[in-house]
Protein backbone atom coordinates (compact mmCIF):
# COMPACT_ATOMS: atom_id res chain seq x y z
CA MET A 1 15.44 -87.95 62.46
CA MET A 2 14.92 -85.97 65.68
CA MET A 3 10.95 -85.82 65.39
CA ASN A 4 10.99 -89.60 64.90
CA PHE A 5 12.95 -90.63 68.09
CA LEU A 6 12.59 -88.40 70.56
CA ALA A 7 9.53 -86.40 72.23
CA PRO A 8 9.73 -82.85 72.89
CA MET A 9 9.20 -83.56 76.91
CA ASP A 10 12.39 -85.78 76.69
CA LEU A 11 14.72 -83.07 74.93
CA GLY A 12 13.92 -80.10 77.54
CA PRO A 13 14.21 -76.57 76.46
CA ALA A 14 17.54 -76.79 74.79
CA GLY A 15 16.79 -79.49 72.70
CA VAL A 16 13.70 -78.04 71.31
CA LEU A 17 15.58 -74.55 70.52
CA LEU A 18 18.23 -77.02 68.96
CA PHE A 19 15.51 -78.57 66.76
CA PHE A 20 14.05 -75.09 65.73
CA THR A 21 17.59 -73.69 65.07
CA MET A 22 18.31 -76.67 63.01
CA VAL A 23 15.00 -76.27 61.01
CA TYR A 24 15.63 -72.52 60.30
CA VAL A 25 19.15 -73.06 58.85
CA ALA A 26 17.66 -75.75 56.70
CA LEU A 27 14.92 -73.51 55.27
CA PHE A 28 17.40 -70.46 55.18
CA GLY A 29 19.49 -72.74 52.87
CA ILE A 30 16.42 -73.90 50.75
CA CYS A 31 15.24 -70.18 50.29
CA THR A 32 18.64 -68.86 49.63
CA PHE A 33 19.09 -71.48 46.90
CA LEU A 34 15.48 -70.81 45.34
CA VAL A 35 16.05 -66.90 45.59
CA ARG A 36 19.63 -67.19 43.68
CA ILE A 37 17.69 -69.30 41.14
CA PHE A 38 14.86 -66.51 40.77
CA VAL A 39 17.36 -63.75 40.62
CA LYS A 40 19.45 -65.56 38.06
CA ILE A 41 16.16 -65.95 35.90
CA THR A 42 14.59 -62.36 36.36
CA ARG A 43 17.61 -60.16 36.73
CA LYS A 44 20.51 -62.15 34.82
CA GLY A 45 23.04 -60.92 37.93
CA GLU A 46 24.43 -61.67 41.27
CA ALA A 47 22.43 -62.00 44.29
CA LYS A 48 22.73 -58.97 46.67
CA LYS A 49 22.85 -58.74 50.44
CA ARG A 50 19.14 -57.69 49.86
CA ASP A 51 18.30 -60.89 48.53
CA TYR A 52 19.77 -62.86 51.14
CA LEU A 53 17.37 -60.88 53.55
CA TYR A 54 14.38 -61.61 51.50
CA ALA A 55 15.32 -65.47 52.01
CA ALA A 56 16.01 -65.18 55.90
CA ILE A 57 12.47 -63.46 56.07
CA ILE A 58 10.65 -66.07 53.78
CA ALA A 59 12.44 -68.87 55.80
CA LEU A 60 10.66 -67.57 59.01
CA GLY A 61 7.03 -68.60 57.28
CA PRO A 62 7.27 -72.47 57.47
CA LEU A 63 9.18 -72.05 60.88
CA MET A 64 6.32 -69.75 62.36
CA LEU A 65 3.93 -72.43 60.96
CA LEU A 66 5.64 -75.22 62.54
CA MET A 67 5.72 -73.68 66.05
CA VAL A 68 2.13 -72.78 65.81
CA GLN A 69 1.22 -76.29 64.93
CA SER A 70 3.27 -77.49 68.03
CA PHE A 71 1.06 -75.23 70.33
CA GLY A 72 -2.16 -76.86 68.50
CA SER A 73 -3.61 -73.89 67.30
CA PHE A 74 -3.35 -74.54 63.65
CA SER A 75 -5.92 -72.97 61.31
CA ILE A 76 -6.77 -71.35 58.45
CA TRP A 77 -6.53 -67.92 60.17
CA THR A 78 -3.04 -68.57 61.45
CA VAL A 79 -1.97 -69.28 58.13
CA GLY A 80 -3.33 -66.04 56.81
CA LEU A 81 -1.68 -64.03 59.36
CA VAL A 82 1.78 -65.85 58.77
CA ILE A 83 1.25 -64.95 55.17
CA LEU A 84 0.14 -61.57 56.28
CA PHE A 85 3.23 -61.02 58.40
CA GLU A 86 5.65 -62.43 55.65
CA PHE A 87 4.17 -59.75 53.25
CA LEU A 88 4.70 -56.93 55.67
CA ALA A 89 8.16 -58.03 56.57
CA CYS A 90 9.07 -58.20 52.90
CA PHE A 91 7.34 -54.73 52.09
CA MET A 92 9.11 -53.24 55.07
CA LEU A 93 12.57 -54.73 53.97
CA LYS A 94 11.92 -53.09 50.38
CA LYS A 95 11.13 -49.76 51.62
CA ILE A 96 14.15 -49.55 53.76
CA THR A 97 16.45 -51.00 51.17
CA SER A 98 14.93 -48.74 48.38
CA LYS A 99 16.68 -45.69 49.99
């Protein structure tokens, strides 16, 4: 609703920060729901703290793409770099939590 009625110039920096925060919270909720379903299907158990961290990392991907698109430099290379970042962040989380 915010995107349809207001321009970013009308909102100012605090409004843009509020918008991106609301988008991240919504994406985190959706990713948490999807991770819980995936955990129930694959492990037949409850979600752990690590699974919520994976959801937080995955939720950053679409938000980064939205930010890149707002800068006007959206291309296949940026999508590839965001996917690479997501992969590396999940890989790092796996290495840190496997100890």
